[in-house]
Protein backbone atom coordinates (compact mmCIF):
# COMPACT_ATOMS: atom_id res chain seq x y z
CA UNK A 1 -43.97 -30.97 27.37
CA UNK A 2 -43.81 -31.05 23.59
CA UNK A 3 -44.58 -28.31 21.08
CA UNK A 4 -48.02 -29.90 20.55
CA UNK A 5 -48.87 -29.18 24.21
CA UNK A 6 -48.81 -25.39 23.57
CA UNK A 7 -51.82 -23.49 22.16
CA UNK A 8 -51.81 -22.95 18.40
CA UNK A 9 -49.74 -19.90 17.41
CA UNK A 10 -47.34 -20.18 20.39
CA UNK A 11 -43.91 -21.79 20.63
CA UNK A 12 -42.14 -23.84 23.24
CA UNK A 13 -39.95 -21.27 25.09
CA UNK A 14 -37.16 -23.82 25.45
CA UNK A 15 -37.07 -24.28 21.66
CA UNK A 16 -37.17 -20.51 21.15
CA UNK A 17 -34.29 -20.08 23.53
CA UNK A 18 -32.26 -22.76 21.70
CA UNK A 19 -33.01 -21.19 18.31
CA UNK A 20 -32.05 -17.75 19.61
CA UNK A 21 -28.74 -19.01 20.93
CA UNK A 22 -28.08 -20.88 17.67
CA UNK A 23 -28.73 -17.75 15.63
CA UNK A 24 -26.48 -15.72 17.91
CA UNK A 25 -23.74 -18.31 17.60
CA UNK A 26 -24.13 -18.41 13.81
CA UNK A 27 -23.94 -14.60 13.63
CA UNK A 28 -20.86 -14.53 15.85
CA UNK A 29 -19.25 -17.25 13.73
CA UNK A 30 -19.95 -15.30 10.58
CA UNK A 31 -18.45 -12.15 12.11
CA UNK A 32 -15.31 -14.02 13.13
CA UNK A 33 -15.06 -15.59 9.68
CA UNK A 34 -15.52 -12.23 7.99
CA UNK A 35 -12.78 -10.70 10.14
CA UNK A 36 -10.42 -13.53 9.38
CA UNK A 37 -11.09 -13.34 5.64
CA UNK A 38 -10.22 -9.64 5.73
CA UNK A 39 -7.29 -9.81 8.09
CA UNK A 40 -5.52 -12.94 7.00
CA UNK A 41 -5.28 -13.23 3.18
CA UNK A 42 -1.70 -12.02 3.21
CA UNK A 43 -0.84 -14.87 5.64
CA UNK A 44 -2.45 -17.65 3.61
CA UNK A 45 0.84 -19.48 3.20
CA UNK A 46 2.15 -18.73 6.70
CA UNK A 47 2.32 -21.13 9.66
CA UNK A 48 -0.92 -20.18 11.42
CA UNK A 49 -2.22 -21.07 14.87
CA UNK A 50 -5.87 -20.67 15.91
CA UNK A 51 -6.69 -19.65 19.48
CA UNK A 52 -9.02 -22.37 20.77
CA UNK A 53 -9.19 -21.58 24.50
CA UNK A 54 -9.03 -18.39 26.63
CA UNK A 55 -5.39 -17.38 26.32
CA UNK A 56 -2.76 -14.77 27.02
CA UNK A 57 0.20 -13.84 24.88
CA UNK A 58 3.20 -13.37 27.17
CA UNK A 59 6.34 -11.29 26.79
CA UNK A 60 8.45 -14.37 27.44
CA UNK A 61 8.05 -18.20 27.61
CA UNK A 62 7.05 -18.43 31.28
CA UNK A 63 4.04 -18.15 33.59
CA UNK A 64 5.45 -15.06 35.26
CA UNK A 65 6.15 -13.12 32.08
CA UNK A 66 4.21 -9.91 31.45
CA UNK A 67 0.94 -10.20 29.50
CA UNK A 68 1.03 -8.48 26.12
CA UNK A 69 -2.36 -9.44 24.69
CA UNK A 70 -5.51 -11.42 25.47
CA UNK A 71 -6.48 -12.82 22.03
CA UNK A 72 -10.07 -13.74 21.29
CA UNK A 73 -10.98 -17.36 20.67
CA UNK A 74 -10.92 -17.99 16.91
CA UNK A 75 -8.18 -15.42 16.20
CA UNK A 76 -5.37 -16.60 13.95
CA UNK A 77 -1.79 -15.98 14.99
CA UNK A 78 1.26 -16.23 12.79
CA UNK A 79 3.96 -18.52 14.14
CA UNK A 80 7.16 -16.53 14.68
CA UNK A 81 10.67 -17.88 14.07
CA UNK A 82 12.05 -19.86 16.99
CA UNK A 83 11.58 -23.09 18.87
CA UNK A 84 9.07 -24.14 21.51
CA UNK A 85 10.35 -23.16 24.96
CA UNK A 86 8.90 -24.37 28.26
CA UNK A 87 5.74 -25.39 26.40
CA UNK A 88 5.32 -21.89 24.89
CA UNK A 89 5.26 -21.18 21.16
CA UNK A 90 6.60 -17.96 19.62
CA UNK A 91 3.91 -15.94 17.78
CA UNK A 92 3.35 -12.51 16.26
CA UNK A 93 0.59 -10.26 17.61
CA UNK A 94 -1.73 -9.24 14.74
CA UNK A 95 -1.51 -5.66 13.41
CA UNK A 96 1.56 -4.68 15.47
CA UNK A 97 3.59 -7.79 14.55
CA UNK A 98 5.07 -7.63 18.07
CA UNK A 99 6.61 -10.97 19.05
CA UNK A 100 5.22 -12.87 22.03
CA UNK A 101 4.68 -16.35 23.47
CA UNK A 102 1.52 -18.44 23.93
CA UNK A 103 1.10 -21.78 25.68
CA UNK A 104 0.80 -24.60 23.14
CA UNK A 105 -2.40 -26.19 24.51
CA UNK A 106 -4.31 -22.92 23.97
CA UNK A 107 -3.85 -22.98 20.20
CA UNK A 108 -4.24 -25.46 17.34
CA UNK A 109 -2.71 -25.58 13.85
CA UNK A 110 -4.83 -23.85 11.26
CA UNK A 111 -4.76 -24.44 7.51
CA UNK A 112 -5.86 -21.24 5.75
CA UNK A 113 -8.12 -21.65 2.75
CA UNK A 114 -6.36 -21.37 -0.57
CA UNK A 115 -6.95 -18.08 -2.39
CA UNK A 116 -8.97 -18.28 -5.57
CA UNK A 117 -6.82 -18.48 -8.68
CA UNK A 118 -6.05 -15.13 -10.29
CA UNK A 119 -7.42 -14.56 -13.81
CA UNK A 120 -5.07 -15.85 -16.48
CA UNK A 121 -2.94 -12.91 -17.56
CA UNK A 122 -2.14 -12.07 -21.14
CA UNK A 123 0.01 -9.35 -22.65
CA UNK A 124 2.27 -6.92 -20.79
CA UNK A 125 1.29 -4.24 -18.30
CA UNK A 126 3.70 -1.27 -18.44
CA UNK A 127 4.64 0.86 -15.42
CA UNK A 128 6.57 3.93 -16.52
CA UNK A 129 8.22 5.79 -13.63
CA UNK A 130 9.46 9.14 -14.91
CA UNK A 131 12.75 10.72 -13.90
CA UNK A 132 11.34 14.11 -12.88
CA UNK A 133 13.70 14.99 -10.03
CA UNK A 134 12.33 15.60 -6.54
CA UNK A 135 8.80 14.72 -7.63
CA UNK A 136 6.51 11.89 -8.69
CA UNK A 137 4.93 10.93 -12.02
CA UNK A 138 3.97 7.40 -13.07
CA UNK A 139 2.15 6.32 -16.24
CA UNK A 140 0.62 2.82 -16.20
CA UNK A 141 -0.51 1.30 -19.50
CA UNK A 142 -3.01 -1.52 -19.94
CA UNK A 143 -1.72 -4.49 -21.98
CA UNK A 144 -4.03 -3.51 -24.83
CA UNK A 145 -2.08 -0.23 -25.13
CA UNK A 146 -5.21 1.94 -25.32
CA UNK A 147 -6.01 2.54 -21.63
CA UNK A 148 -3.90 4.42 -19.12
CA UNK A 149 -3.70 5.43 -15.48
CA UNK A 150 -1.51 8.42 -14.58
CA UNK A 151 -0.50 9.00 -10.98
CA UNK A 152 0.88 12.51 -10.26
CA UNK A 153 2.39 15.10 -12.59
CA UNK A 154 5.88 16.12 -11.36
CA UNK A 155 6.98 19.47 -9.84
CA UNK A 156 6.91 23.12 -10.87
CA UNK A 157 9.86 24.14 -8.66
CA UNK A 158 12.59 21.51 -8.99
CA UNK A 159 14.83 22.50 -11.88
CA UNK A 160 13.85 20.68 -15.06
CA UNK A 161 11.04 18.63 -13.50
CA UNK A 162 8.19 20.18 -15.48
CA UNK A 163 10.14 20.15 -18.72
CA UNK A 164 11.03 16.46 -18.25
CA UNK A 165 7.40 15.54 -17.46
CA UNK A 166 5.97 17.33 -20.49
CA UNK A 167 8.58 15.89 -22.83
CA UNK A 168 7.98 12.37 -21.51
CA UNK A 169 4.21 12.62 -21.88
CA UNK A 170 4.47 14.01 -25.41
CA UNK A 171 6.81 11.17 -26.38
CA UNK A 172 4.84 8.35 -24.75
CA UNK A 173 1.19 9.42 -24.77
CA UNK A 174 -0.58 10.46 -27.97
CA UNK A 175 -2.51 13.65 -27.29
CA UNK A 176 -5.50 12.20 -29.16
CA UNK A 177 -5.55 9.18 -26.81
CA UNK A 178 -7.71 9.92 -23.78
CA UNK A 179 -6.18 9.05 -20.40
CA UNK A 180 -8.84 6.98 -18.64
CA UNK A 181 -7.91 7.86 -15.05
CA UNK A 182 -5.62 10.50 -13.52
CA UNK A 183 -4.89 10.35 -9.79
CA UNK A 184 -3.37 13.27 -7.90
CA UNK A 185 -2.05 11.49 -4.80
CA UNK A 186 -2.07 14.73 -2.77
CA UNK A 187 -1.92 18.47 -3.51
CA UNK A 188 1.77 19.23 -2.95
CA UNK A 189 3.51 20.96 -5.83
CA UNK A 190 5.92 18.07 -6.40
CA UNK A 191 2.95 15.87 -7.29
CA UNK A 192 0.52 18.23 -9.05
CA UNK A 193 3.01 20.77 -10.37
CA UNK A 194 2.08 20.15 -14.01
CA UNK A 195 -1.42 18.79 -13.56
CA UNK A 196 -3.01 21.95 -14.97
CA UNK A 197 -0.90 21.56 -18.12
CA UNK A 198 -1.96 17.94 -18.39
CA UNK A 199 -5.68 18.75 -18.08
CA UNK A 200 -5.35 21.44 -20.74
CA UNK A 201 -3.45 19.24 -23.22
CA UNK A 202 -5.00 15.78 -22.77
CA UNK A 203 -8.54 14.48 -22.56
CA UNK A 204 -9.06 12.82 -19.16
CA UNK A 205 -11.92 10.47 -18.30
CA UNK A 206 -11.79 10.62 -14.50
CA UNK A 207 -9.74 12.91 -12.28
CA UNK A 208 -9.30 11.73 -8.69
CA UNK A 209 -7.70 13.51 -5.75
CA UNK A 210 -7.69 13.27 -1.95
CA UNK A 211 -10.76 15.49 -1.57
CA UNK A 212 -8.85 18.16 0.39
CA UNK A 213 -9.20 21.93 -0.17
CA UNK A 214 -5.77 23.41 -0.72
CA UNK A 215 -6.94 26.74 -2.16
CA UNK A 216 -4.30 28.72 -0.28
CA UNK A 217 -1.78 27.56 -2.90
CA UNK A 218 -1.57 28.93 -6.44
CA UNK A 219 -0.68 25.50 -7.83
CA UNK A 220 -3.88 23.90 -6.47
CA UNK A 221 -6.00 26.79 -7.69
CA UNK A 222 -4.50 26.46 -11.15
CA UNK A 223 -5.34 22.77 -11.25
CA UNK A 224 -8.92 23.49 -10.13
CA UNK A 225 -9.34 26.06 -12.89
CA UNK A 226 -7.95 23.67 -15.52
CA UNK A 227 -10.23 20.88 -14.26
CA UNK A 228 -13.31 23.07 -14.45
CA UNK A 229 -12.48 23.91 -18.07
CA UNK A 230 -11.92 20.22 -18.94
CA UNK A 231 -14.41 17.46 -19.73
CA UNK A 232 -13.08 15.18 -16.99
CA UNK A 233 -15.35 13.73 -14.33
CA UNK A 234 -14.32 14.18 -10.70
CA UNK A 235 -13.82 11.62 -7.95
CA UNK A 236 -12.84 12.20 -4.33
CA UNK A 237 -10.95 9.52 -2.42
CA UNK A 238 -13.10 10.46 0.57
CA UNK A 239 -16.33 9.66 -1.27
CA UNK A 240 -18.57 6.69 -0.47
CA UNK A 241 -18.51 4.61 -2.53
CA UNK A 242 -14.91 5.17 -3.62
CA UNK A 243 -14.29 6.27 -7.21
CA UNK A 244 -13.90 3.39 -9.64
CA UNK A 245 -10.36 3.72 -11.00
CA UNK A 246 -10.38 0.40 -12.87
CA UNK A 247 -8.85 2.01 -15.95
CA UNK A 248 -8.31 -1.17 -17.97
CA UNK A 249 -11.25 -3.09 -19.45
CA UNK A 250 -9.51 -6.48 -19.28
CA UNK A 251 -10.45 -9.11 -16.70
CA UNK A 252 -6.80 -9.77 -15.81
CA UNK A 253 -6.09 -6.12 -14.79
CA UNK A 254 -7.74 -4.21 -11.98
CA UNK A 255 -7.05 -1.06 -9.98
CA UNK A 256 -8.54 0.26 -6.78
CA UNK A 257 -8.03 2.85 -4.06
CA UNK A 258 -6.91 1.49 -0.69
CA UNK A 259 -8.98 3.25 1.99
CA UNK A 260 -8.73 3.23 5.80
CA UNK A 261 -11.01 4.87 8.39
CA UNK A 262 -8.72 7.80 9.29
CA UNK A 263 -8.02 8.76 5.68
CA UNK A 264 -8.62 12.50 5.10
CA UNK A 265 -8.32 13.41 8.80
CA UNK A 266 -4.60 14.25 8.91
CA UNK A 267 -3.20 17.78 9.11
CA UNK A 268 -0.24 16.72 6.94
CA UNK A 269 -1.27 16.32 3.30
CA UNK A 270 1.37 13.60 2.89
CA UNK A 271 -0.61 11.31 5.19
CA UNK A 272 -3.74 11.95 3.14
CA UNK A 273 -2.06 10.50 0.05
CA UNK A 274 -4.33 8.42 -2.17
CA UNK A 275 -2.95 4.85 -2.13
CA UNK A 276 -3.50 2.86 -5.33
CA UNK A 277 -3.31 -0.91 -5.79
CA UNK A 278 -3.00 -2.33 -9.32
CA UNK A 279 -3.26 -6.06 -10.07
CA UNK A 280 -2.24 -7.92 -13.19
CA UNK A 281 -2.89 -11.65 -13.13
CA UNK A 282 -1.22 -12.92 -9.98
CA UNK A 283 0.96 -9.81 -9.45
CA UNK A 284 0.27 -6.63 -7.51
CA UNK A 285 1.76 -3.12 -7.59
CA UNK A 286 1.32 -0.50 -4.84
CA UNK A 287 1.61 3.27 -5.22
CA UNK A 288 1.55 5.23 -1.96
CA UNK A 289 2.24 8.88 -2.83
CA UNK A 290 4.00 10.52 0.13
CA UNK A 291 2.36 8.38 2.83
CA UNK A 292 4.26 8.73 6.12
CA UNK A 293 4.58 6.79 9.33
CA UNK A 294 1.42 7.99 11.11
CA UNK A 295 -0.88 7.04 8.24
CA UNK A 296 1.08 3.83 7.56
CA UNK A 297 0.39 2.75 11.12
CA UNK A 298 -3.31 3.66 10.95
CA UNK A 299 -3.68 1.89 7.61
CA UNK A 300 -2.17 -1.29 9.05
CA UNK A 301 -4.53 -1.14 11.99
CA UNK A 302 -7.48 -1.58 9.64
CA UNK A 303 -7.88 -5.23 8.61
CA UNK A 304 -9.33 -4.51 5.17
CA UNK A 305 -6.70 -1.94 4.21
CA UNK A 306 -3.89 -4.08 5.60
CA UNK A 307 -4.97 -7.04 3.47
CA UNK A 308 -4.61 -4.91 0.33
CA UNK A 309 -1.06 -3.61 0.72
CA UNK A 310 0.87 -6.84 0.30
CA UNK A 311 2.32 -6.38 -3.19
CA UNK A 312 5.26 -7.43 -5.33
CA UNK A 313 6.09 -3.88 -6.44
CA UNK A 314 6.22 -0.76 -4.27
CA UNK A 315 6.48 2.84 -5.41
CA UNK A 316 8.27 3.94 -2.26
CA UNK A 317 6.61 6.70 -0.22
CA UNK A 318 7.87 10.28 0.06
CA UNK A 319 10.89 9.97 -2.24
CA UNK A 320 12.67 7.50 0.05
CA UNK A 321 12.33 9.63 3.17
CA UNK A 322 13.07 8.18 6.61
CA UNK A 323 9.60 9.31 7.74
CA UNK A 324 8.01 6.74 5.41
CA UNK A 325 8.53 3.04 4.72
CA UNK A 326 8.53 1.97 8.36
CA UNK A 327 9.64 -1.53 9.23
CA UNK A 328 6.03 -2.52 10.07
CA UNK A 329 4.76 -1.17 6.76
CA UNK A 330 7.43 -2.92 4.72
CA UNK A 331 6.73 -6.13 6.64
CA UNK A 332 3.11 -5.86 5.53
CA UNK A 333 3.92 -5.02 1.88
CA UNK A 334 6.90 -7.36 1.54
CA UNK A 335 8.00 -5.84 -1.81
CA UNK A 336 10.25 -7.71 -4.23
CA UNK A 337 10.86 -4.61 -6.35
CA UNK A 338 11.00 -1.02 -5.08
CA UNK A 339 11.11 2.24 -7.02
CA UNK A 340 12.12 5.61 -5.58
CA UNK A 341 11.54 8.92 -7.37
CA UNK A 342 13.82 11.64 -5.98
CA UNK A 343 16.14 14.52 -6.81
CA UNK A 344 19.89 14.88 -6.67
CA UNK A 345 22.05 15.70 -3.64
CA UNK A 346 22.01 19.44 -2.93
CA UNK A 347 19.88 20.36 -5.98
CA UNK A 348 16.91 22.71 -5.69
CA UNK A 349 14.23 21.52 -3.23
CA UNK A 350 16.28 18.42 -2.34
CA UNK A 351 18.92 20.62 -0.77
CA UNK A 352 16.69 20.72 2.28
CA UNK A 353 14.84 17.40 2.03
CA UNK A 354 17.98 15.29 1.52
CA UNK A 355 16.27 12.34 -0.14
CA UNK A 356 16.64 9.42 -0.33
CA UNK A 357 17.63 8.45 3.20
CA UNK A 358 20.27 5.78 3.81
CA UNK A 359 18.23 3.93 6.42
CA UNK A 360 15.28 3.61 4.05
CA UNK A 361 17.47 2.19 1.28
CA UNK A 362 19.01 -0.25 3.73
CA UNK A 363 15.58 -1.39 5.00
CA UNK A 364 14.31 -1.93 1.47
CA UNK A 365 17.32 -4.01 0.52
CA UNK A 366 16.33 -6.61 3.14
CA UNK A 367 13.05 -7.25 1.26
CA UNK A 368 13.68 -6.94 -2.46
CA UNK A 369 14.89 -9.68 -4.78
CA UNK A 370 18.58 -9.85 -5.67
CA UNK A 371 19.62 -8.54 -9.09
CA UNK A 372 21.82 -10.54 -11.46
CA UNK A 373 24.22 -7.62 -11.75
CA UNK A 374 24.64 -5.09 -8.95
CA UNK A 375 23.19 -1.68 -9.71
CA UNK A 376 25.28 1.47 -9.51
CA UNK A 377 25.66 2.74 -5.92
CA UNK A 378 23.18 5.38 -4.80
CA UNK A 379 24.09 8.47 -2.79
CA UNK A 380 21.77 8.65 0.23
CA UNK A 381 21.67 10.80 3.34
CA UNK A 382 22.26 9.17 6.73
CA UNK A 383 19.88 10.91 9.14
CA UNK A 384 21.54 12.30 12.30
CA UNK A 385 20.93 10.00 15.25
CA UNK A 386 21.99 12.47 17.98
CA UNK A 387 22.07 16.23 18.44
CA UNK A 388 25.84 16.22 17.91
CA UNK A 389 25.62 14.05 14.77
CA UNK A 390 25.81 16.31 11.68
CA UNK A 391 24.53 13.60 9.33
CA UNK A 392 26.27 12.69 6.11
CA UNK A 393 25.77 11.59 2.52
CA UNK A 394 26.82 8.00 1.91
CA UNK A 395 27.33 5.80 -1.13
CA UNK A 396 25.24 2.63 -0.74
CA UNK A 397 25.65 -0.48 -2.87
CA UNK A 398 22.49 -1.97 -4.40
CA UNK A 399 22.69 -5.75 -4.75
CA UNK A 400 18.88 -5.91 -4.79
CA UNK A 401 16.00 -4.46 -6.83
CA UNK A 402 15.81 -0.96 -5.34
CA UNK A 403 15.67 1.45 -8.29
CA UNK A 404 16.23 5.20 -7.89
CA UNK A 405 15.39 7.61 -10.69
CA UNK A 406 18.21 10.06 -9.89
CA UNK A 407 20.69 7.28 -10.69
CA UNK A 408 18.76 4.97 -13.02
CA UNK A 409 16.81 7.58 -15.03
CA UNK A 410 13.34 6.85 -16.45
CA UNK A 411 12.25 3.42 -15.29
CA UNK A 412 10.09 0.93 -17.21
CA UNK A 413 8.72 -2.07 -15.36
CA UNK A 414 6.89 -4.86 -17.19
CA UNK A 415 4.39 -7.33 -15.76
CA UNK A 416 3.23 -10.45 -17.58
CA UNK A 417 0.95 -11.37 -14.68
CA UNK A 418 3.41 -13.96 -13.36
CA UNK A 419 6.45 -11.76 -12.74
CA UNK A 420 7.53 -8.13 -12.77
CA UNK A 421 10.86 -7.02 -14.14
CA UNK A 422 12.64 -3.85 -15.07
CA UNK A 423 13.09 -3.41 -18.82
CA UNK A 424 16.56 -2.25 -19.91
């Protein structure tokens, strides 16, 4: 029976069923494509395999090996190092990056779409990492020189931190030049210790924090009072939509907050750190406050957030602590240059924190680019591995681009949109 055999205004149920299934398939395809576009941009140049049949990822290259994952059809898997064994190919499980094996007939080679070209970059973006002891303060200047983004404002406890921050700002930022965006990564005193002073002495366009109430601390209350007396607008990193922190008006520079579903839910303020991504031309810089392992893991579990952390430059989390910069997180970022802001051995607040940690420096050195001339060794604390291990401070050579303020002083990094380098 044809459509013409049905009364006017009715449809052939077979056609309706076909159309319904087609629409469902189209919707499912779009959902898969959207997931892949969010989850895979960082792997665009990798050797990718697409799951084309019902499959299992095994612990080893054999039928009897334990099953690690049952990947959905259409999922893209990154090919892991190693050769085909017994017909099985080595792959990495998405999100966890755990290695496994999948039978070769269940997958097919996939050529990821090329990313759109980045806007042509002009001029030089400046990233000024201040030597403020066991604290953070970074001033980022747009290539036009008239627009700035400040992330954090040093400490009010570590000896000399506040004095160094104020002197640096007065020397490098004209008090008549409004700072477009100020981000307080989280409300600990080593990040907002001088924020009240800044809000009183500089005009600020937008002030952004993690949206947490920390009113039990005098430092936070002082910042709130200074903000209320200022002309700055307020943005919370928990707001929807997220605050627009695109401080530079140029097309070749952009900045955004990296958000993940569990942000703002942690008891530890470090894990609620506002993560900022800055792009200049084809280069990317990532600033993670004091983000620690729990939040790092949750961030990587979100496809959108994970796709945003792969960057050439990393402001290392939590002053080089061993509780940050996990192997999985560094695998996702894959930094070529790393910057650590920390205090000196045994001085003030760092007497207890003992930053940076030797294992973190060692991990970073496996990622960063080599330097033409080895940097001065850095003194780092080797975390005790057993109850009987007292731990110890060690001198670690730096043949790669891991910069540490306590040794290298104020740091200036320059981006021309094609490369990032430290300026002498």
